[in-house]
C-alpha atoms as a PDB file:
ATOM      1  CA  MET A   1      55.005 105.897 -66.355  1.00  0.00           C
ATOM      2  CA  LYS A   2      56.690 108.969 -64.891  1.00  0.00           C
ATOM      3  CA  LYS A   3      60.012 107.952 -66.294  1.00  0.00           C
ATOM      4  CA  ARG A   4      58.317 107.547 -69.801  1.00  0.00           C
ATOM      5  CA  LEU A   5      56.745 110.905 -69.492  1.00  0.00           C
ATOM      6  CA  PHE A   6      60.067 112.619 -68.610  1.00  0.00           C
ATOM      7  CA  THR A   7      61.798 110.864 -71.557  1.00  0.00           C
ATOM      8  CA  THR A   8      59.042 112.016 -73.826  1.00  0.00           C
ATOM      9  CA  ALA A   9      59.294 115.507 -72.582  1.00  0.00           C
ATOM     10  CA  ILE A  10      63.056 115.738 -73.100  1.00  0.00           C
ATOM     11  CA  LEU A  11      62.618 114.415 -76.672  1.00  0.00           C
ATOM     12  CA  MET A  12      60.072 117.091 -77.294  1.00  0.00           C
ATOM     13  CA  VAL A  13      62.518 119.798 -75.868  1.00  0.00           C
ATOM     14  CA  LEU A  14      65.287 118.446 -78.204  1.00  0.00           C
ATOM     15  CA  ALA A  15      62.912 118.458 -81.152  1.00  0.00           C
ATOM     16  CA  CYS A  16      62.021 122.087 -80.486  1.00  0.00           C
ATOM     17  CA  ILE A  17      65.685 123.040 -80.165  1.00  0.00           C
ATOM     18  CA  ALA A  18      66.336 121.363 -83.552  1.00  0.00           C
ATOM     19  CA  LEU A  19      63.356 123.239 -84.965  1.00  0.00           C
ATOM     20  CA  ALA A  20      64.625 126.566 -83.574  1.00  0.00           C
ATOM     21  CA  ILE A  21      68.190 126.062 -85.040  1.00  0.00           C
ATOM     22  CA  SER A  22      66.811 124.901 -88.405  1.00  0.00           C
ATOM     23  CA  GLY A  23      64.779 128.128 -88.497  1.00  0.00           C
ATOM     24  CA  GLN A  24      67.784 130.171 -87.650  1.00  0.00           C
ATOM     25  CA  ALA A  25      66.137 131.445 -84.502  1.00  0.00           C
ATOM     26  CA  ALA A  26      69.155 130.020 -82.470  1.00  0.00           C
ATOM     27  CA  THR A  27      72.603 128.802 -83.190  1.00  0.00           C
ATOM     28  CA  PRO A  28      74.246 125.445 -82.475  1.00  0.00           C
ATOM     29  CA  ASN A  29      76.034 126.979 -79.547  1.00  0.00           C
ATOM     30  CA  ASP A  30      72.588 127.488 -77.940  1.00  0.00           C
ATOM     31  CA  ARG A  31      72.751 123.786 -77.032  1.00  0.00           C
ATOM     32  CA  ASP A  32      75.158 124.506 -74.386  1.00  0.00           C
ATOM     33  CA  GLY A  33      72.805 127.024 -72.910  1.00  0.00           C
ATOM     34  CA  TYR A  34      69.951 124.464 -72.621  1.00  0.00           C
ATOM     35  CA  ARG A  35      69.248 123.491 -68.886  1.00  0.00           C
ATOM     36  CA  LYS A  36      67.632 120.167 -68.423  1.00  0.00           C
ATOM     37  CA  LEU A  37      64.980 120.299 -65.775  1.00  0.00           C
ATOM     38  CA  LYS A  38      66.543 119.227 -62.357  1.00  0.00           C
ATOM     39  CA  LEU A  39      63.660 118.501 -59.953  1.00  0.00           C
ATOM     40  CA  PRO A  40      63.954 118.208 -56.299  1.00  0.00           C
ATOM     41  CA  PRO A  41      63.146 114.756 -54.920  1.00  0.00           C
ATOM     42  CA  ASP A  42      59.514 115.863 -53.861  1.00  0.00           C
ATOM     43  CA  HIS A  43      58.625 117.218 -57.385  1.00  0.00           C
ATOM     44  CA  GLN A  44      57.294 115.486 -60.410  1.00  0.00           C
ATOM     45  CA  ILE A  45      56.476 116.093 -64.043  1.00  0.00           C
ATOM     46  CA  GLU A  46      52.672 115.645 -64.438  1.00  0.00           C
ATOM     47  CA  ASP A  47      52.172 116.696 -68.009  1.00  0.00           C
ATOM     48  CA  VAL A  48      53.922 118.232 -70.914  1.00  0.00           C
ATOM     49  CA  ALA A  49      52.685 120.123 -73.979  1.00  0.00           C
ATOM     50  CA  VAL A  50      54.341 121.605 -77.178  1.00  0.00           C
ATOM     51  CA  GLY A  51      53.219 124.665 -78.957  1.00  0.00           C
ATOM     52  CA  ASP A  52      54.068 128.413 -79.670  1.00  0.00           C
ATOM     53  CA  VAL A  53      53.191 129.868 -76.381  1.00  0.00           C
ATOM     54  CA  THR A  54      55.384 132.990 -76.716  1.00  0.00           C
ATOM     55  CA  GLY A  55      54.074 134.062 -80.052  1.00  0.00           C
ATOM     56  CA  ASP A  56      57.267 134.117 -81.983  1.00  0.00           C
ATOM     57  CA  GLY A  57      56.330 131.358 -84.393  1.00  0.00           C
ATOM     58  CA  ILE A  58      58.546 128.742 -82.931  1.00  0.00           C
ATOM     59  CA  CYS A  59      57.164 125.806 -80.804  1.00  0.00           C
ATOM     60  CA  ASP A  60      57.967 125.961 -77.002  1.00  0.00           C
ATOM     61  CA  VAL A  61      57.640 123.256 -74.389  1.00  0.00           C
ATOM     62  CA  VAL A  62      55.476 123.656 -71.302  1.00  0.00           C
ATOM     63  CA  PHE A  63      55.786 121.395 -68.229  1.00  0.00           C
ATOM     64  CA  LEU A  64      53.292 120.971 -65.452  1.00  0.00           C
ATOM     65  CA  ILE A  65      55.255 120.316 -62.236  1.00  0.00           C
ATOM     66  CA  GLY A  66      53.776 119.154 -58.923  1.00  0.00           C
ATOM     67  CA  GLN A  67      55.265 119.153 -55.538  1.00  0.00           C
ATOM     68  CA  LYS A  68      54.043 115.990 -53.871  1.00  0.00           C
ATOM     69  CA  TYR A  69      52.424 116.050 -50.505  1.00  0.00           C
ATOM     70  CA  ALA A  70      54.288 112.977 -49.448  1.00  0.00           C
ATOM     71  CA  PRO A  71      56.844 110.709 -51.254  1.00  0.00           C
ATOM     72  CA  ASP A  72      54.244 108.066 -51.846  1.00  0.00           C
ATOM     73  CA  SER A  73      51.294 110.335 -52.334  1.00  0.00           C
ATOM     74  CA  TYR A  74      49.462 110.985 -55.719  1.00  0.00           C
ATOM     75  CA  TYR A  75      48.415 114.399 -54.398  1.00  0.00           C
ATOM     76  CA  SER A  76      50.575 117.504 -55.054  1.00  0.00           C
ATOM     77  CA  LYS A  77      50.227 120.253 -52.537  1.00  0.00           C
ATOM     78  CA  GLU A  78      51.363 122.880 -55.044  1.00  0.00           C
ATOM     79  CA  HIS A  79      51.858 123.322 -58.893  1.00  0.00           C
ATOM     80  CA  GLN A  80      53.904 125.295 -61.220  1.00  0.00           C
ATOM     81  CA  ILE A  81      54.501 125.588 -64.923  1.00  0.00           C
ATOM     82  CA  VAL A  82      57.859 125.700 -66.613  1.00  0.00           C
ATOM     83  CA  VAL A  83      58.202 127.084 -70.206  1.00  0.00           C
ATOM     84  CA  ILE A  84      61.171 126.416 -72.419  1.00  0.00           C
ATOM     85  CA  ASP A  85      61.387 129.205 -75.028  1.00  0.00           C
ATOM     86  CA  CYS A  86      62.838 127.238 -77.920  1.00  0.00           C
ATOM     87  CA  ALA A  87      63.970 130.386 -79.701  1.00  0.00           C
ATOM     88  CA  SER A  88      66.113 131.696 -76.925  1.00  0.00           C
ATOM     89  CA  LEU A  89      66.239 128.392 -74.941  1.00  0.00           C
ATOM     90  CA  ALA A  90      65.297 130.525 -71.842  1.00  0.00           C
ATOM     91  CA  GLN A  91      63.502 128.659 -68.998  1.00  0.00           C
ATOM     92  CA  THR A  92      60.645 130.478 -67.129  1.00  0.00           C
ATOM     93  CA  THR A  93      58.927 129.162 -64.015  1.00  0.00           C
ATOM     94  CA  MET A  94      55.632 130.328 -62.534  1.00  0.00           C
ATOM     95  CA  SER A  95      53.978 129.041 -59.441  1.00  0.00           C
ATOM     96  CA  LEU A  96      50.322 128.580 -59.407  1.00  0.00           C
ATOM     97  CA  GLY A  97      50.202 129.425 -55.737  1.00  0.00           C
ATOM     98  CA  THR A  98      49.656 127.674 -52.466  1.00  0.00           C
ATOM     99  CA  ASP A  99      46.050 126.979 -53.436  1.00  0.00           C
ATOM    100  CA  SER A 100      46.941 125.017 -56.498  1.00  0.00           C
ATOM    101  CA  GLY A 101      46.993 121.608 -54.769  1.00  0.00           C
ATOM    102  CA  GLY A 102      45.476 118.679 -56.595  1.00  0.00           C
ATOM    103  CA  TYR A 103      45.997 115.158 -58.189  1.00  0.00           C
ATOM    104  CA  GLU A 104      47.879 114.686 -61.436  1.00  0.00           C
ATOM    105  CA  GLY A 105      46.991 117.530 -63.651  1.00  0.00           C
ATOM    106  CA  GLU A 106      46.751 118.134 -67.513  1.00  0.00           C
ATOM    107  CA  LEU A 107      47.786 120.866 -69.911  1.00  0.00           C
ATOM    108  CA  SER A 108      45.903 122.013 -72.988  1.00  0.00           C
ATOM    109  CA  LEU A 109      47.128 124.584 -75.444  1.00  0.00           C
ATOM    110  CA  GLY A 110      44.913 126.852 -77.604  1.00  0.00           C
ATOM    111  CA  LYS A 111      44.601 130.298 -78.974  1.00  0.00           C
ATOM    112  CA  VAL A 112      42.189 132.085 -76.524  1.00  0.00           C
ATOM    113  CA  SER A 113      43.328 135.736 -75.920  1.00  0.00           C
ATOM    114  CA  ALA A 114      44.139 138.435 -78.579  1.00  0.00           C
ATOM    115  CA  THR A 115      47.877 137.647 -78.773  1.00  0.00           C
ATOM    116  CA  ARG A 116      49.621 135.633 -81.450  1.00  0.00           C
ATOM    117  CA  ALA A 117      50.490 132.925 -78.849  1.00  0.00           C
ATOM    118  CA  GLN A 118      48.713 129.893 -77.813  1.00  0.00           C
ATOM    119  CA  ASP A 119      47.480 130.108 -74.266  1.00  0.00           C
ATOM    120  CA  ILE A 120      47.807 127.396 -71.659  1.00  0.00           C
ATOM    121  CA  LEU A 121      44.875 125.771 -69.857  1.00  0.00           C
ATOM    122  CA  VAL A 122      45.847 123.864 -66.667  1.00  0.00           C
ATOM    123  CA  GLY A 123      43.404 121.458 -65.030  1.00  0.00           C
ATOM    124  CA  LEU A 124      44.030 120.195 -61.513  1.00  0.00           C
ATOM    125  CA  PRO A 125      41.586 117.501 -60.172  1.00  0.00           C
ATOM    126  CA  THR A 126      40.705 118.269 -56.613  1.00  0.00           C
ATOM    127  CA  GLY A 127      39.812 114.659 -55.764  1.00  0.00           C
ATOM    128  CA  GLY A 128      36.548 115.840 -54.145  1.00  0.00           C
ATOM    129  CA  SER A 129      33.060 114.654 -54.660  1.00  0.00           C
ATOM    130  CA  GLY A 130      31.599 115.421 -58.010  1.00  0.00           C
ATOM    131  CA  GLY A 131      34.930 115.279 -59.909  1.00  0.00           C
ATOM    132  CA  ILE A 132      35.620 118.981 -59.444  1.00  0.00           C
ATOM    133  CA  THR A 133      38.669 120.296 -61.273  1.00  0.00           C
ATOM    134  CA  ASN A 134      40.393 123.619 -60.671  1.00  0.00           C
ATOM    135  CA  TYR A 135      41.419 125.502 -63.829  1.00  0.00           C
ATOM    136  CA  TYR A 136      43.855 128.167 -64.690  1.00  0.00           C
ATOM    137  CA  LEU A 137      44.173 129.939 -68.074  1.00  0.00           C
ATOM    138  CA  ILE A 138      47.640 131.362 -68.544  1.00  0.00           C
ATOM    139  CA  SER A 139      49.238 133.478 -71.111  1.00  0.00           C
ATOM    140  CA  CYS A 140      52.986 133.359 -71.828  1.00  0.00           C
ATOM    141  CA  ALA A 141      53.095 135.821 -74.586  1.00  0.00           C
ATOM    142  CA  GLU A 142      56.592 137.346 -75.152  1.00  0.00           C
ATOM    143  CA  GLY A 143      57.814 134.932 -72.322  1.00  0.00           C
ATOM    144  CA  LYS A 144      55.946 136.626 -69.507  1.00  0.00           C
ATOM    145  CA  PRO A 145      53.573 134.086 -67.736  1.00  0.00           C
ATOM    146  CA  THR A 146      50.288 135.761 -66.645  1.00  0.00           C
ATOM    147  CA  ILE A 147      47.212 134.022 -65.120  1.00  0.00           C
ATOM    148  CA  LEU A 148      44.317 135.398 -67.242  1.00  0.00           C
ATOM    149  CA  ALA A 149      41.669 133.522 -65.173  1.00  0.00           C
ATOM    150  CA  GLY A 150      41.658 131.081 -62.170  1.00  0.00           C
ATOM    151  CA  PRO A 151      39.376 128.757 -60.260  1.00  0.00           C
ATOM    152  CA  ASP A 152      37.525 131.632 -58.794  1.00  0.00           C
ATOM    153  CA  MET A 153      36.057 132.392 -62.178  1.00  0.00           C
ATOM    154  CA  LEU A 154      36.511 129.147 -64.195  1.00  0.00           C
ATOM    155  CA  THR A 155      35.663 126.560 -61.577  1.00  0.00           C
ATOM    156  CA  GLU A 156      33.575 128.330 -58.875  1.00  0.00           C
ATOM    157  CA  GLY A 157      32.509 131.590 -60.643  1.00  0.00           C
ATOM    158  CA  LEU A 158      28.921 130.830 -61.756  1.00  0.00           C
ATOM    159  CA  HIS A 159      26.060 131.206 -59.332  1.00  0.00           C
ATOM    160  CA  PHE A 160      22.752 129.287 -59.752  1.00  0.00           C
ATOM    161  CA  GLN A 161      19.511 129.027 -57.837  1.00  0.00           C
ATOM    162  CA  VAL A 162      18.046 125.518 -58.240  1.00  0.00           C
ATOM    163  CA  SER A 163      14.446 124.909 -57.034  1.00  0.00           C
ATOM    164  CA  LEU A 164      11.997 122.033 -57.491  1.00  0.00           C
ATOM    165  CA  MET A 165       8.483 123.054 -58.801  1.00  0.00           C
ATOM    166  CA  ASP A 166       5.146 121.364 -59.174  1.00  0.00           C
ATOM    167  CA  ASP A 167       4.677 118.715 -61.841  1.00  0.00           C
ATOM    168  CA  PHE A 168       8.338 117.458 -61.454  1.00  0.00           C
ATOM    169  CA  ILE A 169       9.904 120.595 -62.848  1.00  0.00           C
ATOM    170  CA  VAL A 170      13.251 121.905 -61.856  1.00  0.00           C
ATOM    171  CA  SER A 171      13.939 125.556 -62.135  1.00  0.00           C
ATOM    172  CA  VAL A 172      17.610 126.625 -62.704  1.00  0.00           C
ATOM    173  CA  LYS A 173      18.280 130.372 -62.627  1.00  0.00           C
ATOM    174  CA  ASN A 174      21.718 131.722 -63.437  1.00  0.00           C
ATOM    175  CA  ASP A 175      22.620 135.062 -61.873  1.00  0.00           C
ATOM    176  CA  GLU A 176      25.330 136.210 -64.378  1.00  0.00           C
ATOM    177  CA  LEU A 177      22.997 136.008 -67.350  1.00  0.00           C
ATOM    178  CA  ASP A 178      19.772 136.508 -65.426  1.00  0.00           C
ATOM    179  CA  LYS A 179      18.176 133.640 -67.131  1.00  0.00           C
ATOM    180  CA  THR A 180      15.881 130.763 -65.920  1.00  0.00           C
ATOM    181  CA  TYR A 181      15.923 127.239 -67.469  1.00  0.00           C
ATOM    182  CA  LEU A 182      13.305 124.566 -66.732  1.00  0.00           C
ATOM    183  CA  LEU A 183      14.051 120.923 -66.683  1.00  0.00           C
ATOM    184  CA  ASP A 184      11.265 118.215 -66.706  1.00  0.00           C
ATOM    185  CA  LEU A 185      12.366 115.364 -64.534  1.00  0.00           C
ATOM    186  CA  LYS A 186       9.634 113.145 -66.244  1.00  0.00           C
ATOM    187  CA  GLU A 187      11.740 113.109 -69.325  1.00  0.00           C
ATOM    188  CA  LEU A 188      14.661 111.395 -67.615  1.00  0.00           C
ATOM    189  CA  PRO A 189      15.039 107.737 -68.634  1.00  0.00           C
ATOM    190  CA  SER A 190      14.154 105.954 -65.412  1.00  0.00           C
ATOM    191  CA  SER A 191      11.617 103.383 -64.438  1.00  0.00           C
ATOM    192  CA  GLU A 192       8.486 104.450 -62.540  1.00  0.00           C
ATOM    193  CA  SER A 193       9.445 102.544 -59.362  1.00  0.00           C
ATOM    194  CA  GLU A 194      12.922 104.298 -59.411  1.00  0.00           C
ATOM    195  CA  PHE A 195      11.370 107.644 -60.036  1.00  0.00           C
ATOM    196  CA  ALA A 196       8.817 107.175 -57.293  1.00  0.00           C
ATOM    197  CA  GLU A 197      11.424 106.033 -54.886  1.00  0.00           C
ATOM    198  CA  VAL A 198      13.766 109.136 -55.349  1.00  0.00           C
ATOM    199  CA  TYR A 199      10.963 111.611 -55.065  1.00  0.00           C
ATOM    200  CA  LYS A 200       8.512 110.020 -52.663  1.00  0.00           C
ATOM    201  CA  ASP A 201       9.215 112.574 -49.879  1.00  0.00           C
ATOM    202  CA  ILE A 202       9.244 115.549 -52.276  1.00  0.00           C
ATOM    203  CA  TYR A 203       6.278 115.078 -54.536  1.00  0.00           C
ATOM    204  CA  SER A 204       2.791 113.652 -54.295  1.00  0.00           C
ATOM    205  CA  PRO A 205       1.929 110.917 -56.806  1.00  0.00           C
ATOM    206  CA  SER A 206       0.109 113.602 -58.904  1.00  0.00           C
ATOM    207  CA  GLY A 207       3.247 115.730 -59.051  1.00  0.00           C
ATOM    208  CA  LYS A 208       2.369 118.370 -56.280  1.00  0.00           C
ATOM    209  CA  LEU A 209       5.385 119.586 -54.413  1.00  0.00           C
ATOM    210  CA  ILE A 210       4.974 118.493 -50.848  1.00  0.00           C
ATOM    211  CA  LYS A 211       7.564 120.809 -49.370  1.00  0.00           C
ATOM    212  CA  PRO A 212      10.048 123.336 -50.717  1.00  0.00           C
ATOM    213  CA  GLU A 213      13.276 121.679 -51.980  1.00  0.00           C
ATOM    214  CA  GLU A 214      16.409 123.175 -53.381  1.00  0.00           C
ATOM    215  CA  GLY A 215      18.964 121.615 -55.754  1.00  0.00           C
ATOM    216  CA  PHE A 216      22.589 122.453 -56.415  1.00  0.00           C
ATOM    217  CA  VAL A 217      25.052 122.975 -59.244  1.00  0.00           C
ATOM    218  CA  ASP A 218      28.544 121.628 -58.624  1.00  0.00           C
ATOM    219  CA  PRO A 219      31.614 123.599 -59.531  1.00  0.00           C
ATOM    220  CA  SER A 220      33.212 122.715 -62.980  1.00  0.00           C
ATOM    221  CA  GLY A 221      34.188 119.145 -63.468  1.00  0.00           C
ATOM    222  CA  MET A 222      35.777 119.867 -66.845  1.00  0.00           C
ATOM    223  CA  ILE A 223      36.712 122.774 -69.133  1.00  0.00           C
ATOM    224  CA  GLU A 224      37.598 122.185 -72.811  1.00  0.00           C
ATOM    225  CA  LEU A 225      38.979 124.450 -75.496  1.00  0.00           C
ATOM    226  CA  LYS A 226      36.900 124.585 -78.709  1.00  0.00           C
ATOM    227  CA  ASP A 227      36.505 126.926 -81.565  1.00  0.00           C
ATOM    228  CA  ILE A 228      32.776 126.881 -81.506  1.00  0.00           C
ATOM    229  CA  ASP A 229      32.138 129.844 -83.870  1.00  0.00           C
ATOM    230  CA  GLY A 230      34.908 129.165 -86.435  1.00  0.00           C
ATOM    231  CA  ASP A 231      36.770 132.373 -86.092  1.00  0.00           C
ATOM    232  CA  GLY A 232      40.161 130.688 -85.233  1.00  0.00           C
ATOM    233  CA  ILE A 233      40.001 131.552 -81.537  1.00  0.00           C
ATOM    234  CA  SER A 234      39.089 128.948 -79.048  1.00  0.00           C
ATOM    235  CA  GLU A 235      36.237 129.401 -76.428  1.00  0.00           C
ATOM    236  CA  LEU A 236      36.348 127.816 -73.096  1.00  0.00           C
ATOM    237  CA  ILE A 237      33.459 125.467 -72.412  1.00  0.00           C
ATOM    238  CA  GLY A 238      32.693 124.303 -68.905  1.00  0.00           C
ATOM    239  CA  TYR A 239      30.612 121.467 -67.474  1.00  0.00           C
ATOM    240  CA  HIS A 240      28.676 121.679 -64.214  1.00  0.00           C
ATOM    241  CA  SER A 241      26.582 118.853 -62.902  1.00  0.00           C
ATOM    242  CA  ILE A 242      23.029 119.851 -61.617  1.00  0.00           C
ATOM    243  CA  TRP A 243      21.625 117.630 -58.748  1.00  0.00           C
ATOM    244  CA  VAL A 244      18.523 117.457 -56.582  1.00  0.00           C
ATOM    245  CA  VAL A 245      17.568 115.320 -53.485  1.00  0.00           C
ATOM    246  CA  TYR A 246      20.983 113.850 -53.108  1.00  0.00           C
ATOM    247  CA  HIS A 247      24.407 114.297 -54.740  1.00  0.00           C
ATOM    248  CA  ALA A 248      24.463 111.253 -56.772  1.00  0.00           C
ATOM    249  CA  ASN A 249      21.107 112.102 -58.377  1.00  0.00           C
ATOM    250  CA  SER A 250      22.530 114.154 -61.218  1.00  0.00           C
ATOM    251  CA  VAL A 251      19.592 115.452 -63.302  1.00  0.00           C
ATOM    252  CA  GLY A 252      21.174 117.985 -65.644  1.00  0.00           C
ATOM    253  CA  ILE A 253      24.215 119.714 -66.864  1.00  0.00           C
ATOM    254  CA  ALA A 254      25.113 123.321 -67.285  1.00  0.00           C
ATOM    255  CA  ARG A 255      27.551 124.227 -70.080  1.00  0.00           C
ATOM    256  CA  PRO A 256      28.780 127.827 -69.910  1.00  0.00           C
ATOM    257  CA  SER A 257      30.984 129.305 -72.730  1.00  0.00           C
ATOM    258  CA  TRP A 258      33.620 132.009 -72.269  1.00  0.00           C
ATOM    259  CA  LYS A 259      35.273 134.087 -74.961  1.00  0.00           C
ATOM    260  CA  TRP A 260      38.048 136.589 -74.879  1.00  0.00           C
ATOM    261  CA  ILE A 261      36.304 140.076 -75.652  1.00  0.00           C
ATOM    262  CA  ASP A 262      37.789 143.629 -74.945  1.00  0.00           C
ATOM    263  CA  ASN A 263      40.867 142.200 -73.266  1.00  0.00           C
ATOM    264  CA  GLU A 264      39.017 139.983 -70.703  1.00  0.00           C
ATOM    265  CA  LEU A 265      37.301 136.649 -70.575  1.00  0.00           C
ATOM    266  CA  LYS A 266      33.536 136.985 -70.719  1.00  0.00           C
ATOM    267  CA  ILE A 267      30.701 134.537 -70.547  1.00  0.00           C
ATOM    268  CA  ILE A 268      28.775 134.554 -73.887  1.00  0.00           C
ATOM    269  CA  ALA A 269      26.416 131.769 -73.614  1.00  0.00           C
ATOM    270  CA  LEU A 270      25.022 129.094 -71.284  1.00  0.00           C
ATOM    271  CA  ASP A 271      23.267 125.769 -72.136  1.00  0.00           C
ATOM    272  CA  VAL A 272      21.242 123.958 -69.456  1.00  0.00           C
ATOM    273  CA  SER A 273      19.832 120.563 -70.309  1.00  0.00           C
ATOM    274  CA  LEU A 274      18.790 117.231 -68.795  1.00  0.00           C
ATOM    275  CA  ARG A 275      21.562 114.791 -68.281  1.00  0.00           C
ATOM    276  CA  TYR A 276      21.091 111.481 -70.037  1.00  0.00           C
ATOM    277  CA  PRO A 277      23.207 108.291 -69.528  1.00  0.00           C
ATOM    278  CA  GLN A 278      25.031 108.843 -72.752  1.00  0.00           C
ATOM    279  CA  ASP A 279      26.046 112.361 -71.756  1.00  0.00           C
ATOM    280  CA  ASP A 280      29.782 112.748 -71.904  1.00  0.00           C
ATOM    281  CA  CYS A 281      31.703 115.911 -70.953  1.00  0.00           C
ATOM    282  CA  ALA A 282      34.062 115.216 -73.879  1.00  0.00           C
ATOM    283  CA  GLN A 283      31.291 114.971 -76.535  1.00  0.00           C
ATOM    284  CA  GLU A 284      31.034 117.314 -79.427  1.00  0.00           C
ATOM    285  CA  ILE A 285      28.610 120.138 -78.829  1.00  0.00           C
ATOM    286  CA  ASP A 286      27.119 122.842 -80.901  1.00  0.00           C
ATOM    287  CA  MET A 287      27.072 126.567 -80.118  1.00  0.00           C
ATOM    288  CA  PRO A 288      25.414 126.841 -76.699  1.00  0.00           C
ATOM    289  CA  ARG A 289      21.978 128.176 -76.589  1.00  0.00           C
ATOM    290  CA  ASN A 290      21.128 131.453 -74.859  1.00  0.00           C
END
């Protein structure tokens, strides 16, 4: 699979070179200046994307490179992106840092910031419980890679207080927006026997809380790019699992939305709702509710 991915990546690079030449942004002699990616033995190409990430109107190629923890390991201890500017055929490399370890990652391109270029969203699965994925939003406008937001904001940045209340109600308070959302556990599709078993030590049969109990919201398991307001600029939509009693008992999902405003990424909305069996992080969603 890796060999097929590398072949595909090279074909994409050559296609972009041809596009640049046909658009008179480069000359045939530029082919001699193109340097194929030569990776050390412990590095691998994990993903590749094509789009105008420099803002010059010509498609570029972005590689996600992982440095393997061990020769037979699926885990990469560090990641970097390599951008081939297909107008100049220059190659730019940027490390995501020593904290960028993770399993095989993915690239997504979309216009998020105020530049003419598409921005780069990198997702790196941690392999930890809950499907947590670390995300980096990167701008490469004018060929200068810059991290606009990292896991400290996109993956770990939201703060919640989750508490169980009488009558099988879960209170979810978000500190950033200073809003509280209420989830009714009775509306979850489960049998009476299953429901009673899960909450037997937490609630009386009548729904009276026996003892104080807190819940938790996991860091982000997924972030997607989606133009939810139709202005041609992509927002970032995150997905966080809400759970109570034990980790596998996921009862809800929190969906924050970020937008680039006044030269920074700001949270603009948050949707908190019950999680149903058909819930899917990749499903189409409407504009989140405040």
